[in-house]
Structure formats: C-alpha cells, structure tokens
Amino acid sequence: MQYLLSVIHDSTNLATPEEEAAIDVFNERLQADGQWVFAGGLGGPDMATTVDNRGAETLITDGPFLESKEFLIGFWIIEAPDLDAALRLASDGSKACNRKVEVRPFL
C-alpha cells in the first residue's frame, strides 16, 4: 500500500544543514528498504497559484487555496504494508526533518 507523508511547517525557512543530512539518511534508508516511491520539497505558499475551472470561466489567483499559518512544504510517497508501518516511518521522517508529518493512504 502507498502512503503520502506530508511535511507540515509554518515557515519558508529551508532545512538546516543538520536537518538536510538527517533527511538524506532517512531517504537512503527508505530506498535501501524498498519503501521509497518519490519525495520532494515544495515552494512556500507565496509561490502558489490556485486554478479553479468549475465555473463558466477559469479563475486563476495568486496564493494557496487555503490561508493558514501552517502549510505543506514537502512530501514523501512510500510503500508500507499497513498504517502502523507508515506511522512508524512518518515518526522517523518527522524526527529527520524536524517538522510535523501527516499520513494519508492512497485510495
């Protein structure tokens, strides 16, 4: 089963060198254990553009779809046998990047 591990943060500050090193170690472990699918960092909310084409015309607005103090700053897509295993990996990922991590299964 695949899970999305969303990294949540309240600042656009980049990871410190220590956090980057810990993230690299975590990524290498995911890859070595066959749990890695994909991962990436994201630009901050100030770099977001929202597109809404549900009406008669497409509406394009600068900024995120939701104004919030916290936002998605990065993610991992992992393979895990069950939610408990995904939560353990999310705990390790949270420790590595020093940020909160939300876990969601792919449907």
PDB file of N, CA and C in Angstrom:
ATOM      1  N   MET A   1       0.838  -1.171   0.000  1.00  0.00           N
ATOM      2  CA  MET A   1       0.000   0.000   0.000  1.00  0.00           C
ATOM      3  C   MET A   1       0.886   1.238   0.000  1.00  0.00           C
ATOM      4  N   GLN A   2       0.446   2.264  -0.686  1.00  0.00           N
ATOM      5  CA  GLN A   2       1.214   3.505  -0.740  1.00  0.00           C
ATOM      6  C   GLN A   2       0.582   4.555   0.167  1.00  0.00           C
ATOM      7  N   TYR A   3       1.459   5.374   0.770  1.00  0.00           N
ATOM      8  CA  TYR A   3       1.039   6.444   1.667  1.00  0.00           C
ATOM      9  C   TYR A   3       1.738   7.735   1.282  1.00  0.00           C
ATOM     10  N   LEU A   4       1.024   8.840   1.481  1.00  0.00           N
ATOM     11  CA  LEU A   4       1.593  10.170   1.326  1.00  0.00           C
ATOM     12  C   LEU A   4       1.959  10.675   2.710  1.00  0.00           C
ATOM     13  N   LEU A   5       3.231  10.995   2.919  1.00  0.00           N
ATOM     14  CA  LEU A   5       3.697  11.604   4.155  1.00  0.00           C
ATOM     15  C   LEU A   5       3.923  13.083   3.849  1.00  0.00           C
ATOM     16  N   SER A   6       3.027  13.944   4.312  1.00  0.00           N
ATOM     17  CA  SER A   6       3.094  15.382   4.039  1.00  0.00           C
ATOM     18  C   SER A   6       3.849  16.083   5.149  1.00  0.00           C
ATOM     19  N   VAL A   7       4.839  16.851   4.772  1.00  0.00           N
ATOM     20  CA  VAL A   7       5.635  17.602   5.743  1.00  0.00           C
ATOM     21  C   VAL A   7       4.975  18.965   5.935  1.00  0.00           C
ATOM     22  N   ILE A   8       4.612  19.266   7.179  1.00  0.00           N
ATOM     23  CA  ILE A   8       3.890  20.491   7.526  1.00  0.00           C
ATOM     24  C   ILE A   8       4.837  21.426   8.269  1.00  0.00           C
ATOM     25  N   HIS A   9       4.819  22.688   7.881  1.00  0.00           N
ATOM     26  CA  HIS A   9       5.696  23.662   8.532  1.00  0.00           C
ATOM     27  C   HIS A   9       5.003  25.017   8.577  1.00  0.00           C
ATOM     28  N   ASP A  10       5.529  25.926   9.368  1.00  0.00           N
ATOM     29  CA  ASP A  10       4.942  27.257   9.486  1.00  0.00           C
ATOM     30  C   ASP A  10       5.916  28.355   9.062  1.00  0.00           C
ATOM     31  N   SER A  11       6.960  27.970   8.345  1.00  0.00           N
ATOM     32  CA  SER A  11       7.958  28.933   7.899  1.00  0.00           C
ATOM     33  C   SER A  11       8.530  28.472   6.565  1.00  0.00           C
ATOM     34  N   THR A  12       8.897  29.413   5.727  1.00  0.00           N
ATOM     35  CA  THR A  12       9.517  29.055   4.452  1.00  0.00           C
ATOM     36  C   THR A  12      11.028  28.896   4.583  1.00  0.00           C
ATOM     37  N   ASN A  13      11.531  28.949   5.831  1.00  0.00           N
ATOM     38  CA  ASN A  13      12.962  28.722   6.041  1.00  0.00           C
ATOM     39  C   ASN A  13      13.330  27.333   5.553  1.00  0.00           C
ATOM     40  N   LEU A  14      14.434  27.243   4.855  1.00  0.00           N
ATOM     41  CA  LEU A  14      14.900  25.961   4.372  1.00  0.00           C
ATOM     42  C   LEU A  14      15.460  25.136   5.525  1.00  0.00           C
ATOM     43  N   ALA A  15      15.599  23.856   5.281  1.00  0.00           N
ATOM     44  CA  ALA A  15      16.167  22.957   6.291  1.00  0.00           C
ATOM     45  C   ALA A  15      17.599  23.393   6.609  1.00  0.00           C
ATOM     46  N   THR A  16      17.970  23.207   7.851  1.00  0.00           N
ATOM     47  CA  THR A  16      19.345  23.483   8.261  1.00  0.00           C
ATOM     48  C   THR A  16      20.250  22.396   7.679  1.00  0.00           C
ATOM     49  N   PRO A  17      21.558  22.618   7.660  1.00  0.00           N
ATOM     50  CA  PRO A  17      22.460  21.567   7.183  1.00  0.00           C
ATOM     51  C   PRO A  17      22.294  20.262   7.970  1.00  0.00           C
ATOM     52  N   GLU A  18      22.053  20.362   9.268  1.00  0.00           N
ATOM     53  CA  GLU A  18      21.856  19.157  10.086  1.00  0.00           C
ATOM     54  C   GLU A  18      20.564  18.432   9.676  1.00  0.00           C
ATOM     55  N   GLU A  19      19.488  19.205   9.451  1.00  0.00           N
ATOM     56  CA  GLU A  19      18.222  18.603   9.008  1.00  0.00           C
ATOM     57  C   GLU A  19      18.373  17.969   7.632  1.00  0.00           C
ATOM     58  N   GLU A  20      19.065  18.652   6.720  1.00  0.00           N
ATOM     59  CA  GLU A  20      19.302  18.097   5.387  1.00  0.00           C
ATOM     60  C   GLU A  20      20.039  16.763   5.475  1.00  0.00           C
ATOM     61  N   ALA A  21      21.050  16.691   6.325  1.00  0.00           N
ATOM     62  CA  ALA A  21      21.820  15.452   6.485  1.00  0.00           C
ATOM     63  C   ALA A  21      20.929  14.342   7.038  1.00  0.00           C
ATOM     64  N   ALA A  22      20.095  14.662   8.019  1.00  0.00           N
ATOM     65  CA  ALA A  22      19.196  13.660   8.598  1.00  0.00           C
ATOM     66  C   ALA A  22      18.151  13.206   7.581  1.00  0.00           C
ATOM     67  N   ILE A  23      17.656  14.128   6.763  1.00  0.00           N
ATOM     68  CA  ILE A  23      16.690  13.776   5.707  1.00  0.00           C
ATOM     69  C   ILE A  23      17.353  12.853   4.694  1.00  0.00           C
ATOM     70  N   ASP A  24      18.602  13.151   4.326  1.00  0.00           N
ATOM     71  CA  ASP A  24      19.326  12.287   3.382  1.00  0.00           C
ATOM     72  C   ASP A  24      19.459  10.863   3.931  1.00  0.00           C
ATOM     73  N   VAL A  25      19.785  10.737   5.208  1.00  0.00           N
ATOM     74  CA  VAL A  25      19.912   9.418   5.832  1.00  0.00           C
ATOM     75  C   VAL A  25      18.563   8.700   5.799  1.00  0.00           C
ATOM     76  N   PHE A  26      17.478   9.403   6.137  1.00  0.00           N
ATOM     77  CA  PHE A  26      16.140   8.809   6.109  1.00  0.00           C
ATOM     78  C   PHE A  26      15.777   8.379   4.688  1.00  0.00           C
ATOM     79  N   ASN A  27      16.042   9.229   3.687  1.00  0.00           N
ATOM     80  CA  ASN A  27      15.746   8.892   2.289  1.00  0.00           C
ATOM     81  C   ASN A  27      16.531   7.649   1.851  1.00  0.00           C
ATOM     82  N   GLU A  28      17.793   7.591   2.218  1.00  0.00           N
ATOM     83  CA  GLU A  28      18.623   6.436   1.858  1.00  0.00           C
ATOM     84  C   GLU A  28      18.087   5.164   2.501  1.00  0.00           C
ATOM     85  N   ARG A  29      17.609   5.256   3.728  1.00  0.00           N
ATOM     86  CA  ARG A  29      17.024   4.091   4.400  1.00  0.00           C
ATOM     87  C   ARG A  29      15.752   3.631   3.688  1.00  0.00           C
ATOM     88  N   LEU A  30      14.888   4.582   3.316  1.00  0.00           N
ATOM     89  CA  LEU A  30      13.669   4.222   2.582  1.00  0.00           C
ATOM     90  C   LEU A  30      14.023   3.508   1.276  1.00  0.00           C
ATOM     91  N   GLN A  31      15.014   4.020   0.588  1.00  0.00           N
ATOM     92  CA  GLN A  31      15.428   3.412  -0.682  1.00  0.00           C
ATOM     93  C   GLN A  31      16.005   2.023  -0.461  1.00  0.00           C
ATOM     94  N   ALA A  32      16.872   1.883   0.520  1.00  0.00           N
ATOM     95  CA  ALA A  32      17.511   0.588   0.799  1.00  0.00           C
ATOM     96  C   ALA A  32      16.483  -0.459   1.217  1.00  0.00           C
ATOM     97  N   ASP A  33      15.437  -0.027   1.928  1.00  0.00           N
ATOM     98  CA  ASP A  33      14.411  -0.958   2.406  1.00  0.00           C
ATOM     99  C   ASP A  33      13.287  -1.187   1.401  1.00  0.00           C
ATOM    100  N   GLY A  34      13.383  -0.571   0.213  1.00  0.00           N
ATOM    101  CA  GLY A  34      12.366  -0.760  -0.819  1.00  0.00           C
ATOM    102  C   GLY A  34      11.053  -0.050  -0.523  1.00  0.00           C
ATOM    103  N   GLN A  35      11.074   0.975   0.322  1.00  0.00           N
ATOM    104  CA  GLN A  35       9.854   1.695   0.677  1.00  0.00           C
ATOM    105  C   GLN A  35       9.736   3.043  -0.020  1.00  0.00           C
ATOM    106  N   TRP A  36      10.773   3.440  -0.706  1.00  0.00           N
ATOM    107  CA  TRP A  36      10.821   4.725  -1.405  1.00  0.00           C
ATOM    108  C   TRP A  36      10.016   4.639  -2.690  1.00  0.00           C
ATOM    109  N   VAL A  37       9.138   5.607  -2.925  1.00  0.00           N
ATOM    110  CA  VAL A  37       8.475   5.769  -4.215  1.00  0.00           C
ATOM    111  C   VAL A  37       8.916   7.103  -4.818  1.00  0.00           C
ATOM    112  N   PHE A  38       8.755   8.185  -4.049  1.00  0.00           N
ATOM    113  CA  PHE A  38       9.112   9.514  -4.536  1.00  0.00           C
ATOM    114  C   PHE A  38       9.094  10.474  -3.363  1.00  0.00           C
ATOM    115  N   ALA A  39       9.869  11.540  -3.449  1.00  0.00           N
ATOM    116  CA  ALA A  39       9.846  12.587  -2.429  1.00  0.00           C
ATOM    117  C   ALA A  39      10.217  13.912  -3.071  1.00  0.00           C
ATOM    118  N   GLY A  40       9.810  15.000  -2.428  1.00  0.00           N
ATOM    119  CA  GLY A  40      10.165  16.306  -2.947  1.00  0.00           C
ATOM    120  C   GLY A  40       9.835  17.415  -1.979  1.00  0.00           C
ATOM    121  N   GLY A  41      10.547  18.503  -2.115  1.00  0.00           N
ATOM    122  CA  GLY A  41      10.254  19.717  -1.363  1.00  0.00           C
ATOM    123  C   GLY A  41       9.418  20.640  -2.234  1.00  0.00           C
ATOM    124  N   LEU A  42       8.692  21.529  -1.600  1.00  0.00           N
ATOM    125  CA  LEU A  42       7.813  22.448  -2.325  1.00  0.00           C
ATOM    126  C   LEU A  42       8.147  23.889  -1.982  1.00  0.00           C
ATOM    127  N   GLY A  43       7.865  24.786  -2.923  1.00  0.00           N
ATOM    128  CA  GLY A  43       7.985  26.202  -2.650  1.00  0.00           C
ATOM    129  C   GLY A  43       6.936  26.603  -1.621  1.00  0.00           C
ATOM    130  N   GLY A  44       7.153  27.728  -0.979  1.00  0.00           N
ATOM    131  CA  GLY A  44       6.222  28.214   0.037  1.00  0.00           C
ATOM    132  C   GLY A  44       4.918  28.708  -0.567  1.00  0.00           C
ATOM    133  N   PRO A  45       3.946  29.025   0.279  1.00  0.00           N
ATOM    134  CA  PRO A  45       2.643  29.479  -0.188  1.00  0.00           C
ATOM    135  C   PRO A  45       2.714  30.729  -1.064  1.00  0.00           C
ATOM    136  N   ASP A  46       3.729  31.563  -0.855  1.00  0.00           N
ATOM    137  CA  ASP A  46       3.869  32.767  -1.669  1.00  0.00           C
ATOM    138  C   ASP A  46       4.183  32.437  -3.131  1.00  0.00           C
ATOM    139  N   MET A  47       4.572  31.194  -3.406  1.00  0.00           N
ATOM    140  CA  MET A  47       4.873  30.767  -4.773  1.00  0.00           C
ATOM    141  C   MET A  47       3.706  30.011  -5.396  1.00  0.00           C
ATOM    142  N   ALA A  48       2.603  29.848  -4.658  1.00  0.00           N
ATOM    143  CA  ALA A  48       1.468  29.056  -5.134  1.00  0.00           C
ATOM    144  C   ALA A  48       0.563  29.864  -6.054  1.00  0.00           C
ATOM    145  N   THR A  49      -0.078  29.164  -6.966  1.00  0.00           N
ATOM    146  CA  THR A  49      -1.139  29.711  -7.805  1.00  0.00           C
ATOM    147  C   THR A  49      -2.286  28.716  -7.764  1.00  0.00           C
ATOM    148  N   THR A  50      -3.498  29.211  -7.549  1.00  0.00           N
ATOM    149  CA  THR A  50      -4.664  28.344  -7.481  1.00  0.00           C
ATOM    150  C   THR A  50      -5.487  28.514  -8.744  1.00  0.00           C
ATOM    151  N   VAL A  51      -5.878  27.386  -9.361  1.00  0.00           N
ATOM    152  CA  VAL A  51      -6.678  27.375 -10.577  1.00  0.00           C
ATOM    153  C   VAL A  51      -8.024  26.744 -10.260  1.00  0.00           C
ATOM    154  N   ASP A  52      -9.114  27.455 -10.589  1.00  0.00           N
ATOM    155  CA  ASP A  52     -10.467  26.956 -10.371  1.00  0.00           C
ATOM    156  C   ASP A  52     -11.250  27.066 -11.672  1.00  0.00           C
ATOM    157  N   ASN A  53     -11.485  25.916 -12.294  1.00  0.00           N
ATOM    158  CA  ASN A  53     -12.211  25.893 -13.569  1.00  0.00           C
ATOM    159  C   ASN A  53     -13.559  25.207 -13.401  1.00  0.00           C
ATOM    160  N   ARG A  54     -14.211  25.409 -12.266  1.00  0.00           N
ATOM    161  CA  ARG A  54     -15.516  24.792 -12.022  1.00  0.00           C
ATOM    162  C   ARG A  54     -16.659  25.618 -12.577  1.00  0.00           C
ATOM    163  N   GLY A  55     -16.428  26.874 -12.878  1.00  0.00           N
ATOM    164  CA  GLY A  55     -17.485  27.754 -13.364  1.00  0.00           C
ATOM    165  C   GLY A  55     -17.401  27.969 -14.858  1.00  0.00           C
ATOM    166  N   ALA A  56     -18.008  29.049 -15.306  1.00  0.00           N
ATOM    167  CA  ALA A  56     -18.041  29.376 -16.732  1.00  0.00           C
ATOM    168  C   ALA A  56     -16.667  29.778 -17.251  1.00  0.00           C
ATOM    169  N   GLU A  57     -15.852  30.360 -16.384  1.00  0.00           N
ATOM    170  CA  GLU A  57     -14.508  30.780 -16.769  1.00  0.00           C
ATOM    171  C   GLU A  57     -13.495  30.269 -15.753  1.00  0.00           C
ATOM    172  N   THR A  58     -12.279  30.080 -16.213  1.00  0.00           N
ATOM    173  CA  THR A  58     -11.195  29.673 -15.321  1.00  0.00           C
ATOM    174  C   THR A  58     -10.773  30.862 -14.477  1.00  0.00           C
ATOM    175  N   LEU A  59     -10.707  30.634 -13.165  1.00  0.00           N
ATOM    176  CA  LEU A  59     -10.262  31.659 -12.237  1.00  0.00           C
ATOM    177  C   LEU A  59      -8.874  31.277 -11.744  1.00  0.00           C
ATOM    178  N   ILE A  60      -7.904  32.155 -11.960  1.00  0.00           N
ATOM    179  CA  ILE A  60      -6.525  31.921 -11.533  1.00  0.00           C
ATOM    180  C   ILE A  60      -6.172  33.001 -10.525  1.00  0.00           C
ATOM    181  N   THR A  61      -5.784  32.571  -9.322  1.00  0.00           N
ATOM    182  CA  THR A  61      -5.425  33.531  -8.279  1.00  0.00           C
ATOM    183  C   THR A  61      -4.056  33.190  -7.705  1.00  0.00           C
ATOM    184  N   ASP A  62      -3.319  34.228  -7.352  1.00  0.00           N
ATOM    185  CA  ASP A  62      -2.036  34.033  -6.687  1.00  0.00           C
ATOM    186  C   ASP A  62      -2.286  33.571  -5.265  1.00  0.00           C
ATOM    187  N   GLY A  63      -1.463  32.660  -4.817  1.00  0.00           N
ATOM    188  CA  GLY A  63      -1.551  32.201  -3.441  1.00  0.00           C
ATOM    189  C   GLY A  63      -2.161  30.826  -3.309  1.00  0.00           C
ATOM    190  N   PRO A  64      -2.087  30.288  -2.109  1.00  0.00           N
ATOM    191  CA  PRO A  64      -2.589  28.932  -1.850  1.00  0.00           C
ATOM    192  C   PRO A  64      -4.116  28.899  -1.835  1.00  0.00           C
ATOM    193  N   PHE A  65      -4.670  27.703  -1.933  1.00  0.00           N
ATOM    194  CA  PHE A  65      -6.123  27.548  -1.906  1.00  0.00           C
ATOM    195  C   PHE A  65      -6.689  27.812  -0.525  1.00  0.00           C
ATOM    196  N   LEU A  66      -5.847  27.772   0.492  1.00  0.00           N
ATOM    197  CA  LEU A  66      -6.273  27.940   1.867  1.00  0.00           C
ATOM    198  C   LEU A  66      -5.263  28.817   2.601  1.00  0.00           C
ATOM    199  N   GLU A  67      -5.738  29.855   3.252  1.00  0.00           N
ATOM    200  CA  GLU A  67      -4.860  30.694   4.063  1.00  0.00           C
ATOM    201  C   GLU A  67      -4.706  30.036   5.426  1.00  0.00           C
ATOM    202  N   SER A  68      -3.475  29.773   5.821  1.00  0.00           N
ATOM    203  CA  SER A  68      -3.216  29.094   7.081  1.00  0.00           C
ATOM    204  C   SER A  68      -1.812  29.421   7.548  1.00  0.00           C
ATOM    205  N   LYS A  69      -1.604  29.347   8.853  1.00  0.00           N
ATOM    206  CA  LYS A  69      -0.257  29.553   9.394  1.00  0.00           C
ATOM    207  C   LYS A  69       0.661  28.412   8.982  1.00  0.00           C
ATOM    208  N   GLU A  70       0.121  27.182   8.945  1.00  0.00           N
ATOM    209  CA  GLU A  70       0.922  26.021   8.558  1.00  0.00           C
ATOM    210  C   GLU A  70       0.566  25.614   7.132  1.00  0.00           C
ATOM    211  N   PHE A  71       1.520  24.997   6.456  1.00  0.00           N
ATOM    212  CA  PHE A  71       1.312  24.618   5.068  1.00  0.00           C
ATOM    213  C   PHE A  71       2.201  23.441   4.702  1.00  0.00           C
ATOM    214  N   LEU A  72       1.904  22.838   3.568  1.00  0.00           N
ATOM    215  CA  LEU A  72       2.669  21.713   3.038  1.00  0.00           C
ATOM    216  C   LEU A  72       3.963  22.245   2.436  1.00  0.00           C
ATOM    217  N   ILE A  73       5.103  21.751   2.927  1.00  0.00           N
ATOM    218  CA  ILE A  73       6.413  22.221   2.462  1.00  0.00           C
ATOM    219  C   ILE A  73       7.195  21.123   1.748  1.00  0.00           C
ATOM    220  N   GLY A  74       6.738  19.882   1.881  1.00  0.00           N
ATOM    221  CA  GLY A  74       7.408  18.765   1.221  1.00  0.00           C
ATOM    222  C   GLY A  74       6.626  17.489   1.463  1.00  0.00           C
ATOM    223  N   PHE A  75       7.102  16.399   0.866  1.00  0.00           N
ATOM    224  CA  PHE A  75       6.364  15.145   0.997  1.00  0.00           C
ATOM    225  C   PHE A  75       7.235  13.952   0.642  1.00  0.00           C
ATOM    226  N   TRP A  76       6.803  12.794   1.101  1.00  0.00           N
ATOM    227  CA  TRP A  76       7.318  11.501   0.665  1.00  0.00           C
ATOM    228  C   TRP A  76       6.128  10.676   0.210  1.00  0.00           C
ATOM    229  N   ILE A  77       6.312   9.871  -0.800  1.00  0.00           N
ATOM    230  CA  ILE A  77       5.364   8.821  -1.142  1.00  0.00           C
ATOM    231  C   ILE A  77       6.102   7.523  -0.861  1.00  0.00           C
ATOM    232  N   ILE A  78       5.509   6.708  -0.001  1.00  0.00           N
ATOM    233  CA  ILE A  78       6.195   5.497   0.454  1.00  0.00           C
ATOM    234  C   ILE A  78       5.342   4.264   0.219  1.00  0.00           C
ATOM    235  N   GLU A  79       5.985   3.117   0.253  1.00  0.00           N
ATOM    236  CA  GLU A  79       5.324   1.812   0.280  1.00  0.00           C
ATOM    237  C   GLU A  79       5.420   1.300   1.709  1.00  0.00           C
ATOM    238  N   ALA A  80       4.302   0.868   2.263  1.00  0.00           N
ATOM    239  CA  ALA A  80       4.293   0.292   3.613  1.00  0.00           C
ATOM    240  C   ALA A  80       3.208  -0.776   3.658  1.00  0.00           C
ATOM    241  N   PRO A  81       3.416  -1.847   4.412  1.00  0.00           N
ATOM    242  CA  PRO A  81       2.440  -2.934   4.438  1.00  0.00           C
ATOM    243  C   PRO A  81       1.119  -2.551   5.100  1.00  0.00           C
ATOM    244  N   ASP A  82       1.152  -1.549   6.008  1.00  0.00           N
ATOM    245  CA  ASP A  82      -0.067  -1.158   6.703  1.00  0.00           C
ATOM    246  C   ASP A  82       0.128   0.213   7.331  1.00  0.00           C
ATOM    247  N   LEU A  83      -0.945   0.741   7.931  1.00  0.00           N
ATOM    248  CA  LEU A  83      -0.897   2.074   8.528  1.00  0.00           C
ATOM    249  C   LEU A  83       0.109   2.147   9.671  1.00  0.00           C
ATOM    250  N   ASP A  84       0.190   1.114  10.486  1.00  0.00           N
ATOM    251  CA  ASP A  84       1.141   1.143  11.597  1.00  0.00           C
ATOM    252  C   ASP A  84       2.568   1.325  11.103  1.00  0.00           C
ATOM    253  N   ALA A  85       2.933   0.615  10.047  1.00  0.00           N
ATOM    254  CA  ALA A  85       4.283   0.754   9.486  1.00  0.00           C
ATOM    255  C   ALA A  85       4.476   2.155   8.908  1.00  0.00           C
ATOM    256  N   ALA A  86       3.449   2.686   8.247  1.00  0.00           N
ATOM    257  CA  ALA A  86       3.538   4.039   7.688  1.00  0.00           C
ATOM    258  C   ALA A  86       3.704   5.071   8.798  1.00  0.00           C
ATOM    259  N   LEU A  87       3.000   4.871   9.916  1.00  0.00           N
ATOM    260  CA  LEU A  87       3.117   5.803  11.038  1.00  0.00           C
ATOM    261  C   LEU A  87       4.509   5.756  11.665  1.00  0.00           C
ATOM    262  N   ARG A  88       5.098   4.571  11.724  1.00  0.00           N
ATOM    263  CA  ARG A  88       6.472   4.468  12.240  1.00  0.00           C
ATOM    264  C   ARG A  88       7.444   5.215  11.326  1.00  0.00           C
ATOM    265  N   LEU A  89       7.265   5.060  10.026  1.00  0.00           N
ATOM    266  CA  LEU A  89       8.126   5.774   9.087  1.00  0.00           C
ATOM    267  C   LEU A  89       7.897   7.284   9.175  1.00  0.00           C
ATOM    268  N   ALA A  90       6.639   7.688   9.326  1.00  0.00           N
ATOM    269  CA  ALA A  90       6.335   9.112   9.462  1.00  0.00           C
ATOM    270  C   ALA A  90       6.995   9.685  10.713  1.00  0.00           C
ATOM    271  N   SER A  91       7.012   8.916  11.780  1.00  0.00           N
ATOM    272  CA  SER A  91       7.672   9.347  13.006  1.00  0.00           C
ATOM    273  C   SER A  91       9.160   9.575  12.767  1.00  0.00           C
ATOM    274  N   ASP A  92       9.785   8.648  12.049  1.00  0.00           N
ATOM    275  CA  ASP A  92      11.210   8.796  11.724  1.00  0.00           C
ATOM    276  C   ASP A  92      11.433   9.985  10.795  1.00  0.00           C
ATOM    277  N   GLY A  93      10.537  10.170   9.828  1.00  0.00           N
ATOM    278  CA  GLY A  93      10.652  11.308   8.916  1.00  0.00           C
ATOM    279  C   GLY A  93      10.480  12.629   9.631  1.00  0.00           C
ATOM    280  N   SER A  94       9.529  12.680  10.567  1.00  0.00           N
ATOM    281  CA  SER A  94       9.309  13.890  11.352  1.00  0.00           C
ATOM    282  C   SER A  94      10.550  14.248  12.167  1.00  0.00           C
ATOM    283  N   LYS A  95      11.165  13.236  12.734  1.00  0.00           N
ATOM    284  CA  LYS A  95      12.395  13.450  13.509  1.00  0.00           C
ATOM    285  C   LYS A  95      13.503  13.973  12.592  1.00  0.00           C
ATOM    286  N   ALA A  96      13.621  13.363  11.404  1.00  0.00           N
ATOM    287  CA  ALA A  96      14.695  13.744  10.479  1.00  0.00           C
ATOM    288  C   ALA A  96      14.547  15.188  10.004  1.00  0.00           C
ATOM    289  N   CYS A  97      13.337  15.586   9.606  1.00  0.00           N
ATOM    290  CA  CYS A  97      13.169  16.930   9.048  1.00  0.00           C
ATOM    291  C   CYS A  97      12.802  17.976  10.095  1.00  0.00           C
ATOM    292  N   ASN A  98      12.520  17.516  11.322  1.00  0.00           N
ATOM    293  CA  ASN A  98      12.198  18.425  12.424  1.00  0.00           C
ATOM    294  C   ASN A  98      10.930  19.232  12.147  1.00  0.00           C
ATOM    295  N   ARG A  99       9.937  18.534  11.554  1.00  0.00           N
ATOM    296  CA  ARG A  99       8.665  19.151  11.243  1.00  0.00           C
ATOM    297  C   ARG A  99       7.555  18.124  11.439  1.00  0.00           C
ATOM    298  N   LYS A 100       6.314  18.590  11.515  1.00  0.00           N
ATOM    299  CA  LYS A 100       5.186  17.668  11.618  1.00  0.00           C
ATOM    300  C   LYS A 100       4.986  16.948  10.296  1.00  0.00           C
ATOM    301  N   VAL A 101       4.464  15.714  10.377  1.00  0.00           N
ATOM    302  CA  VAL A 101       4.199  14.923   9.166  1.00  0.00           C
ATOM    303  C   VAL A 101       2.787  14.346   9.275  1.00  0.00           C
ATOM    304  N   GLU A 102       1.992  14.565   8.241  1.00  0.00           N
ATOM    305  CA  GLU A 102       0.647  13.981   8.147  1.00  0.00           C
ATOM    306  C   GLU A 102       0.719  12.739   7.255  1.00  0.00           C
ATOM    307  N   VAL A 103      -0.005  11.701   7.629  1.00  0.00           N
ATOM    308  CA  VAL A 103      -0.012  10.446   6.879  1.00  0.00           C
ATOM    309  C   VAL A 103      -1.399  10.225   6.272  1.00  0.00           C
ATOM    310  N   ARG A 104      -1.424   9.920   4.970  1.00  0.00           N
ATOM    311  CA  ARG A 104      -2.672   9.596   4.281  1.00  0.00           C
ATOM    312  C   ARG A 104      -2.436   8.442   3.317  1.00  0.00           C
ATOM    313  N   PRO A 105      -3.350   7.473   3.296  1.00  0.00           N
ATOM    314  CA  PRO A 105      -3.220   6.393   2.311  1.00  0.00           C
ATOM    315  C   PRO A 105      -3.710   6.846   0.938  1.00  0.00           C
ATOM    316  N   PHE A 106      -3.120   6.296  -0.095  1.00  0.00           N
ATOM    317  CA  PHE A 106      -3.663   6.480  -1.437  1.00  0.00           C
ATOM    318  C   PHE A 106      -4.851   5.525  -1.574  1.00  0.00           C
ATOM    319  N   LEU A 107      -5.884   5.988  -2.242  1.00  0.00           N
ATOM    320  CA  LEU A 107      -7.085   5.163  -2.429  1.00  0.00           C
ATOM    321  C   LEU A 107      -6.985   4.319  -3.677  1.00  0.00           C
TER     322      LEU A 107
END
